[in-house]
Amino acid sequence: MSTNGPTGYGQNENPYDGSNPYGQQNPYGQQPPAGQQPPYGQQAPYDQQAYKQEAPYGQPGYGVPPQQPYGQQPQAGLPHWLGQPGGYGGAPVPGTRQLAPIGERLVARLIDVAVLIVPTVLVFVVLGASILYYIVAGLISFGYEAAMLLTQGGQTVGKKVMKLRVVDLGHGGKPAENSLLIRAAVYTLPNAVYCIGSLFALVNVLFPLWDKPLQQALHDKAAKTVVVKES
């Protein structure tokens, strides 16, 4: 009997009988049976690539700024309709409004004062520095403020120039007429009281500097309004 043949010659001649010894490569490039790990160096099927899985819904991936949940207010104490600046300090999101900068509100008031200089000076020339003068001057200011806010969509001449607008605090739309009348009255009529009116006007115009986060003056609080910058 010959013993010159190779060891194991004639054994496992059928490559498909599934009896391939451990450590031998699967012939003809066959894939391993289901449920078994592929040999070292071969790529796992697509659905088994753990590192290719996407982040769960609602969790931003690397480098993607997190999005605020729908309906979440941009900052505590602000109404829902106020928009936020764009990403990384960019421009406001289209269709949204921002609170008016205090400096621009002051400039708008100075423009309105300039509009009222001529009639106020004429009244002073006629009446002099009397109690009647302060009453008439206060009524002129009230008439101007109320008429402009009611007929110009919450804007005076100064606010038009600076692109500012008075809106309702609750919904961001046009305030009710009585709210605009209250706002105009609280802003202008105290000026009819000698000395005390001037002190109130000073506190009132500076009040937005420390009123956070809505930056309301006293007449805004009385009428439940805010001043916004038109986008």
C-alpha atoms as a PDB file:
ATOM      1  CA  MET A   1       0.000   0.000   0.000  1.00  0.00           C
ATOM      2  CA  SER A   2       1.379   3.359  -1.031  1.00  0.00           C
ATOM      3  CA  THR A   3       2.051   6.096   1.542  1.00  0.00           C
ATOM      4  CA  ASN A   4       3.552   8.657  -0.843  1.00  0.00           C
ATOM      5  CA  GLY A   5       0.323  10.697  -1.204  1.00  0.00           C
ATOM      6  CA  PRO A   6      -0.149  13.898   0.789  1.00  0.00           C
ATOM      7  CA  THR A   7      -1.639  13.703   4.223  1.00  0.00           C
ATOM      8  CA  GLY A   8      -5.424  13.937   4.099  1.00  0.00           C
ATOM      9  CA  TYR A   9      -5.512  13.286   0.337  1.00  0.00           C
ATOM     10  CA  GLY A  10      -8.980  12.382  -0.719  1.00  0.00           C
ATOM     11  CA  GLN A  11     -10.611  13.821   2.397  1.00  0.00           C
ATOM     12  CA  ASN A  12     -13.126  16.734   2.201  1.00  0.00           C
ATOM     13  CA  GLU A  13     -12.897  16.764  -1.563  1.00  0.00           C
ATOM     14  CA  ASN A  14     -16.350  18.363  -1.782  1.00  0.00           C
ATOM     15  CA  PRO A  15     -15.951  22.000  -0.800  1.00  0.00           C
ATOM     16  CA  TYR A  16     -19.664  22.362  -0.264  1.00  0.00           C
ATOM     17  CA  ASP A  17     -20.163  19.677   2.356  1.00  0.00           C
ATOM     18  CA  GLY A  18     -19.631  22.197   5.237  1.00  0.00           C
ATOM     19  CA  SER A  19     -16.876  20.110   6.883  1.00  0.00           C
ATOM     20  CA  ASN A  20     -14.002  22.438   6.135  1.00  0.00           C
ATOM     21  CA  PRO A  21     -11.580  22.201   9.103  1.00  0.00           C
ATOM     22  CA  TYR A  22     -11.062  25.230  11.351  1.00  0.00           C
ATOM     23  CA  GLY A  23      -8.400  27.628  10.100  1.00  0.00           C
ATOM     24  CA  GLN A  24      -8.804  26.790   6.406  1.00  0.00           C
ATOM     25  CA  GLN A  25     -10.098  29.516   4.131  1.00  0.00           C
ATOM     26  CA  ASN A  26     -13.502  29.164   2.596  1.00  0.00           C
ATOM     27  CA  PRO A  27     -12.911  28.183  -1.053  1.00  0.00           C
ATOM     28  CA  TYR A  28     -14.035  30.115  -4.076  1.00  0.00           C
ATOM     29  CA  GLY A  29     -14.677  33.321  -2.047  1.00  0.00           C
ATOM     30  CA  GLN A  30     -17.838  32.057  -0.410  1.00  0.00           C
ATOM     31  CA  GLN A  31     -19.451  34.224   2.289  1.00  0.00           C
ATOM     32  CA  PRO A  32     -19.673  32.754   5.796  1.00  0.00           C
ATOM     33  CA  PRO A  33     -22.991  31.267   6.819  1.00  0.00           C
ATOM     34  CA  ALA A  34     -25.605  33.505   8.391  1.00  0.00           C
ATOM     35  CA  GLY A  35     -24.936  34.353  12.019  1.00  0.00           C
ATOM     36  CA  GLN A  36     -21.145  33.928  11.803  1.00  0.00           C
ATOM     37  CA  GLN A  37     -18.541  36.702  11.905  1.00  0.00           C
ATOM     38  CA  PRO A  38     -16.721  37.317   8.602  1.00  0.00           C
ATOM     39  CA  PRO A  39     -12.976  36.496   8.481  1.00  0.00           C
ATOM     40  CA  TYR A  40     -10.539  39.160   9.649  1.00  0.00           C
ATOM     41  CA  GLY A  41     -10.109  41.986   7.173  1.00  0.00           C
ATOM     42  CA  GLN A  42     -13.472  41.548   5.470  1.00  0.00           C
ATOM     43  CA  GLN A  43     -16.153  44.219   5.810  1.00  0.00           C
ATOM     44  CA  ALA A  44     -19.334  43.410   7.632  1.00  0.00           C
ATOM     45  CA  PRO A  45     -22.659  43.848   5.824  1.00  0.00           C
ATOM     46  CA  TYR A  46     -24.086  47.359   5.700  1.00  0.00           C
ATOM     47  CA  ASP A  47     -26.673  46.811   8.395  1.00  0.00           C
ATOM     48  CA  GLN A  48     -24.002  45.543  10.817  1.00  0.00           C
ATOM     49  CA  GLN A  49     -21.706  48.593  10.569  1.00  0.00           C
ATOM     50  CA  ALA A  50     -22.151  50.100  14.005  1.00  0.00           C
ATOM     51  CA  TYR A  51     -20.126  53.158  13.205  1.00  0.00           C
ATOM     52  CA  LYS A  52     -22.292  54.083  10.244  1.00  0.00           C
ATOM     53  CA  GLN A  53     -25.450  54.399  12.284  1.00  0.00           C
ATOM     54  CA  GLU A  54     -27.025  57.828  12.401  1.00  0.00           C
ATOM     55  CA  ALA A  55     -27.602  59.703  15.650  1.00  0.00           C
ATOM     56  CA  PRO A  56     -31.047  59.147  17.188  1.00  0.00           C
ATOM     57  CA  TYR A  57     -33.819  61.509  16.122  1.00  0.00           C
ATOM     58  CA  GLY A  58     -33.633  64.814  17.929  1.00  0.00           C
ATOM     59  CA  GLN A  59     -29.916  64.577  18.736  1.00  0.00           C
ATOM     60  CA  PRO A  60     -27.798  66.777  16.434  1.00  0.00           C
ATOM     61  CA  GLY A  61     -24.728  65.268  14.889  1.00  0.00           C
ATOM     62  CA  TYR A  62     -21.247  66.684  15.171  1.00  0.00           C
ATOM     63  CA  GLY A  63     -20.981  70.241  13.891  1.00  0.00           C
ATOM     64  CA  VAL A  64     -24.764  70.752  13.568  1.00  0.00           C
ATOM     65  CA  PRO A  65     -26.161  73.521  15.820  1.00  0.00           C
ATOM     66  CA  PRO A  66     -28.935  72.143  18.049  1.00  0.00           C
ATOM     67  CA  GLN A  67     -32.425  73.201  17.042  1.00  0.00           C
ATOM     68  CA  GLN A  68     -34.865  74.485  19.627  1.00  0.00           C
ATOM     69  CA  PRO A  69     -38.027  72.407  20.061  1.00  0.00           C
ATOM     70  CA  TYR A  70     -41.112  73.743  18.323  1.00  0.00           C
ATOM     71  CA  GLY A  71     -42.860  76.434  20.341  1.00  0.00           C
ATOM     72  CA  GLN A  72     -40.018  76.964  22.808  1.00  0.00           C
ATOM     73  CA  GLN A  73     -39.519  80.594  23.740  1.00  0.00           C
ATOM     74  CA  PRO A  74     -36.180  82.100  22.718  1.00  0.00           C
ATOM     75  CA  GLN A  75     -35.606  83.459  26.200  1.00  0.00           C
ATOM     76  CA  ALA A  76     -37.428  83.284  29.488  1.00  0.00           C
ATOM     77  CA  GLY A  77     -39.928  86.115  29.825  1.00  0.00           C
ATOM     78  CA  LEU A  78     -40.189  86.871  26.090  1.00  0.00           C
ATOM     79  CA  PRO A  79     -43.428  86.248  24.144  1.00  0.00           C
ATOM     80  CA  HIS A  80     -43.466  83.354  21.689  1.00  0.00           C
ATOM     81  CA  TRP A  81     -43.858  85.560  18.600  1.00  0.00           C
ATOM     82  CA  LEU A  82     -40.541  87.344  19.072  1.00  0.00           C
ATOM     83  CA  GLY A  83     -37.941  85.955  16.695  1.00  0.00           C
ATOM     84  CA  GLN A  84     -34.334  85.058  17.434  1.00  0.00           C
ATOM     85  CA  PRO A  85     -31.232  86.211  15.602  1.00  0.00           C
ATOM     86  CA  GLY A  86     -29.906  83.864  12.953  1.00  0.00           C
ATOM     87  CA  GLY A  87     -27.226  81.304  13.665  1.00  0.00           C
ATOM     88  CA  TYR A  88     -24.008  82.565  15.236  1.00  0.00           C
ATOM     89  CA  GLY A  89     -25.254  86.164  15.594  1.00  0.00           C
ATOM     90  CA  GLY A  90     -26.594  86.500  12.065  1.00  0.00           C
ATOM     91  CA  ALA A  91     -29.594  88.444  10.833  1.00  0.00           C
ATOM     92  CA  PRO A  92     -33.050  87.776  12.322  1.00  0.00           C
ATOM     93  CA  VAL A  93     -34.987  84.871  10.902  1.00  0.00           C
ATOM     94  CA  PRO A  94     -37.245  86.134   8.047  1.00  0.00           C
ATOM     95  CA  GLY A  95     -40.782  86.893   9.167  1.00  0.00           C
ATOM     96  CA  THR A  96     -39.852  87.498  12.789  1.00  0.00           C
ATOM     97  CA  ARG A  97     -39.479  90.660  14.848  1.00  0.00           C
ATOM     98  CA  GLN A  98     -36.920  91.796  17.366  1.00  0.00           C
ATOM     99  CA  LEU A  99     -37.200  94.219  20.281  1.00  0.00           C
ATOM    100  CA  ALA A 100     -36.205  97.708  19.209  1.00  0.00           C
ATOM    101  CA  PRO A 101     -32.754  98.846  20.402  1.00  0.00           C
ATOM    102  CA  ILE A 102     -33.037 101.443  23.157  1.00  0.00           C
ATOM    103  CA  GLY A 103     -30.772 103.894  21.336  1.00  0.00           C
ATOM    104  CA  GLU A 104     -32.997 103.833  18.252  1.00  0.00           C
ATOM    105  CA  ARG A 105     -36.064 104.432  20.409  1.00  0.00           C
ATOM    106  CA  LEU A 106     -34.441 107.515  21.900  1.00  0.00           C
ATOM    107  CA  VAL A 107     -33.583 108.850  18.441  1.00  0.00           C
ATOM    108  CA  ALA A 108     -37.190 108.301  17.338  1.00  0.00           C
ATOM    109  CA  ARG A 109     -38.406 110.307  20.359  1.00  0.00           C
ATOM    110  CA  LEU A 110     -36.062 113.170  19.560  1.00  0.00           C
ATOM    111  CA  ILE A 111     -37.472 113.290  16.038  1.00  0.00           C
ATOM    112  CA  ASP A 112     -41.012 113.456  17.438  1.00  0.00           C
ATOM    113  CA  VAL A 113     -39.973 116.276  19.779  1.00  0.00           C
ATOM    114  CA  ALA A 114     -38.588 118.153  16.781  1.00  0.00           C
ATOM    115  CA  VAL A 115     -41.941 117.739  14.988  1.00  0.00           C
ATOM    116  CA  LEU A 116     -43.744 119.313  17.967  1.00  0.00           C
ATOM    117  CA  ILE A 117     -41.337 122.226  18.457  1.00  0.00           C
ATOM    118  CA  VAL A 118     -43.185 124.671  16.196  1.00  0.00           C
ATOM    119  CA  PRO A 119     -46.692 124.335  17.727  1.00  0.00           C
ATOM    120  CA  THR A 120     -45.259 124.206  21.244  1.00  0.00           C
ATOM    121  CA  VAL A 121     -43.283 127.414  20.719  1.00  0.00           C
ATOM    122  CA  LEU A 122     -46.343 129.150  19.287  1.00  0.00           C
ATOM    123  CA  VAL A 123     -48.395 128.213  22.370  1.00  0.00           C
ATOM    124  CA  PHE A 124     -45.601 129.455  24.621  1.00  0.00           C
ATOM    125  CA  VAL A 125     -45.513 132.799  22.794  1.00  0.00           C
ATOM    126  CA  VAL A 126     -49.243 133.222  23.292  1.00  0.00           C
ATOM    127  CA  LEU A 127     -49.635 131.922  26.857  1.00  0.00           C
ATOM    128  CA  GLY A 128     -46.190 132.344  28.344  1.00  0.00           C
ATOM    129  CA  ALA A 129     -44.850 130.095  31.115  1.00  0.00           C
ATOM    130  CA  SER A 130     -48.204 129.590  32.777  1.00  0.00           C
ATOM    131  CA  ILE A 131     -50.122 126.589  34.045  1.00  0.00           C
ATOM    132  CA  LEU A 132     -52.384 126.907  31.039  1.00  0.00           C
ATOM    133  CA  TYR A 133     -49.362 126.606  28.756  1.00  0.00           C
ATOM    134  CA  TYR A 134     -48.385 123.236  30.263  1.00  0.00           C
ATOM    135  CA  ILE A 135     -51.945 121.960  29.940  1.00  0.00           C
ATOM    136  CA  VAL A 136     -52.242 123.009  26.292  1.00  0.00           C
ATOM    137  CA  ALA A 137     -48.780 121.694  25.438  1.00  0.00           C
ATOM    138  CA  GLY A 138     -49.662 118.344  27.044  1.00  0.00           C
ATOM    139  CA  LEU A 139     -52.886 118.134  25.039  1.00  0.00           C
ATOM    140  CA  ILE A 140     -51.033 118.908  21.804  1.00  0.00           C
ATOM    141  CA  SER A 141     -48.549 116.128  22.514  1.00  0.00           C
ATOM    142  CA  PHE A 142     -51.380 113.717  23.340  1.00  0.00           C
ATOM    143  CA  GLY A 143     -53.256 114.590  20.147  1.00  0.00           C
ATOM    144  CA  TYR A 144     -50.146 114.031  18.013  1.00  0.00           C
ATOM    145  CA  GLU A 145     -49.185 110.748  19.696  1.00  0.00           C
ATOM    146  CA  ALA A 146     -52.691 109.277  19.654  1.00  0.00           C
ATOM    147  CA  ALA A 147     -53.494 110.341  16.087  1.00  0.00           C
ATOM    148  CA  MET A 148     -50.245 108.919  14.691  1.00  0.00           C
ATOM    149  CA  LEU A 149     -50.480 105.601  16.529  1.00  0.00           C
ATOM    150  CA  LEU A 150     -54.129 105.089  15.559  1.00  0.00           C
ATOM    151  CA  THR A 151     -53.826 106.045  11.896  1.00  0.00           C
ATOM    152  CA  GLN A 152     -50.267 104.946  11.051  1.00  0.00           C
ATOM    153  CA  GLY A 153     -50.285 101.380  12.341  1.00  0.00           C
ATOM    154  CA  GLY A 154     -48.516 102.017  15.643  1.00  0.00           C
ATOM    155  CA  GLN A 155     -45.920 104.443  14.265  1.00  0.00           C
ATOM    156  CA  THR A 156     -45.117 108.110  14.775  1.00  0.00           C
ATOM    157  CA  VAL A 157     -42.928 110.184  12.459  1.00  0.00           C
ATOM    158  CA  GLY A 158     -39.849 109.264  14.479  1.00  0.00           C
ATOM    159  CA  LYS A 159     -40.716 105.577  14.508  1.00  0.00           C
ATOM    160  CA  LYS A 160     -41.254 105.600  10.747  1.00  0.00           C
ATOM    161  CA  VAL A 161     -37.802 107.078  10.227  1.00  0.00           C
ATOM    162  CA  MET A 162     -36.189 104.510  12.529  1.00  0.00           C
ATOM    163  CA  LYS A 163     -38.392 101.628  11.270  1.00  0.00           C
ATOM    164  CA  LEU A 164     -39.898 100.940  14.681  1.00  0.00           C
ATOM    165  CA  ARG A 165     -43.445  99.941  15.536  1.00  0.00           C
ATOM    166  CA  VAL A 166     -45.667  99.608  18.610  1.00  0.00           C
ATOM    167  CA  VAL A 167     -47.266  96.148  18.822  1.00  0.00           C
ATOM    168  CA  ASP A 168     -49.396  94.222  21.276  1.00  0.00           C
ATOM    169  CA  LEU A 169     -47.401  92.306  23.852  1.00  0.00           C
ATOM    170  CA  GLY A 170     -49.678  89.279  23.745  1.00  0.00           C
ATOM    171  CA  HIS A 171     -49.735  88.457  20.038  1.00  0.00           C
ATOM    172  CA  GLY A 172     -47.337  90.867  18.305  1.00  0.00           C
ATOM    173  CA  GLY A 173     -50.045  92.399  16.110  1.00  0.00           C
ATOM    174  CA  LYS A 174     -51.806  95.746  16.043  1.00  0.00           C
ATOM    175  CA  PRO A 175     -52.822  96.873  19.550  1.00  0.00           C
ATOM    176  CA  ALA A 176     -56.433  97.695  20.318  1.00  0.00           C
ATOM    177  CA  GLU A 177     -57.413 101.349  19.999  1.00  0.00           C
ATOM    178  CA  ASN A 178     -57.959 101.750  23.736  1.00  0.00           C
ATOM    179  CA  SER A 179     -54.464 100.374  24.367  1.00  0.00           C
ATOM    180  CA  LEU A 180     -52.954 102.953  22.026  1.00  0.00           C
ATOM    181  CA  LEU A 181     -54.966 105.741  23.698  1.00  0.00           C
ATOM    182  CA  ILE A 182     -53.772 104.619  27.133  1.00  0.00           C
ATOM    183  CA  ARG A 183     -50.191 104.515  25.876  1.00  0.00           C
ATOM    184  CA  ALA A 184     -50.425 108.031  24.437  1.00  0.00           C
ATOM    185  CA  ALA A 185     -52.087 109.375  27.579  1.00  0.00           C
ATOM    186  CA  VAL A 186     -49.536 107.952  30.023  1.00  0.00           C
ATOM    187  CA  TYR A 187     -46.684 109.235  27.859  1.00  0.00           C
ATOM    188  CA  THR A 188     -47.924 112.802  27.279  1.00  0.00           C
ATOM    189  CA  LEU A 189     -50.520 113.981  29.804  1.00  0.00           C
ATOM    190  CA  PRO A 190     -48.256 113.939  32.909  1.00  0.00           C
ATOM    191  CA  ASN A 191     -46.305 116.735  31.193  1.00  0.00           C
ATOM    192  CA  ALA A 192     -49.272 118.983  31.895  1.00  0.00           C
ATOM    193  CA  VAL A 193     -48.328 118.954  35.602  1.00  0.00           C
ATOM    194  CA  TYR A 194     -45.657 121.540  36.263  1.00  0.00           C
ATOM    195  CA  CYS A 195     -42.288 120.169  37.438  1.00  0.00           C
ATOM    196  CA  ILE A 196     -43.648 116.753  38.464  1.00  0.00           C
ATOM    197  CA  GLY A 197     -44.551 116.030  34.844  1.00  0.00           C
ATOM    198  CA  SER A 198     -40.995 116.712  33.704  1.00  0.00           C
ATOM    199  CA  LEU A 199     -39.585 114.374  36.358  1.00  0.00           C
ATOM    200  CA  PHE A 200     -42.016 111.631  35.359  1.00  0.00           C
ATOM    201  CA  ALA A 201     -41.117 112.067  31.693  1.00  0.00           C
ATOM    202  CA  LEU A 202     -37.417 111.619  32.481  1.00  0.00           C
ATOM    203  CA  VAL A 203     -37.985 108.414  34.477  1.00  0.00           C
ATOM    204  CA  ASN A 204     -40.383 107.135  31.840  1.00  0.00           C
ATOM    205  CA  VAL A 205     -38.056 107.574  28.879  1.00  0.00           C
ATOM    206  CA  LEU A 206     -35.129 105.964  30.745  1.00  0.00           C
ATOM    207  CA  PHE A 207     -37.154 103.076  32.181  1.00  0.00           C
ATOM    208  CA  PRO A 208     -36.371 100.644  29.288  1.00  0.00           C
ATOM    209  CA  LEU A 209     -32.684 100.771  30.279  1.00  0.00           C
ATOM    210  CA  TRP A 210     -33.318  98.574  33.325  1.00  0.00           C
ATOM    211  CA  ASP A 211     -36.568  96.868  32.367  1.00  0.00           C
ATOM    212  CA  LYS A 212     -35.556  93.342  31.323  1.00  0.00           C
ATOM    213  CA  PRO A 213     -36.171  91.493  29.123  1.00  0.00           C
ATOM    214  CA  LEU A 214     -38.974  93.436  27.388  1.00  0.00           C
ATOM    215  CA  GLN A 215     -37.404  96.918  27.616  1.00  0.00           C
ATOM    216  CA  GLN A 216     -40.765  98.561  28.296  1.00  0.00           C
ATOM    217  CA  ALA A 217     -41.296 102.167  29.302  1.00  0.00           C
ATOM    218  CA  LEU A 218     -44.023 102.958  31.823  1.00  0.00           C
ATOM    219  CA  HIS A 219     -46.501 103.819  29.067  1.00  0.00           C
ATOM    220  CA  ASP A 220     -45.748 100.433  27.458  1.00  0.00           C
ATOM    221  CA  LYS A 221     -46.527  98.635  30.691  1.00  0.00           C
ATOM    222  CA  ALA A 222     -49.781 100.534  31.110  1.00  0.00           C
ATOM    223  CA  ALA A 223     -50.916  99.660  27.575  1.00  0.00           C
ATOM    224  CA  LYS A 224     -49.331  96.163  27.474  1.00  0.00           C
ATOM    225  CA  THR A 225     -47.325  96.968  24.365  1.00  0.00           C
ATOM    226  CA  VAL A 226     -43.718  96.682  23.230  1.00  0.00           C
ATOM    227  CA  VAL A 227     -41.697  98.453  20.547  1.00  0.00           C
ATOM    228  CA  VAL A 228     -40.148  96.265  17.847  1.00  0.00           C
ATOM    229  CA  LYS A 229     -37.704  96.738  15.000  1.00  0.00           C
ATOM    230  CA  GLU A 230     -39.251  96.072  11.614  1.00  0.00           C
ATOM    231  CA  SER A 231     -37.258  93.434   9.691  1.00  0.00           C
END
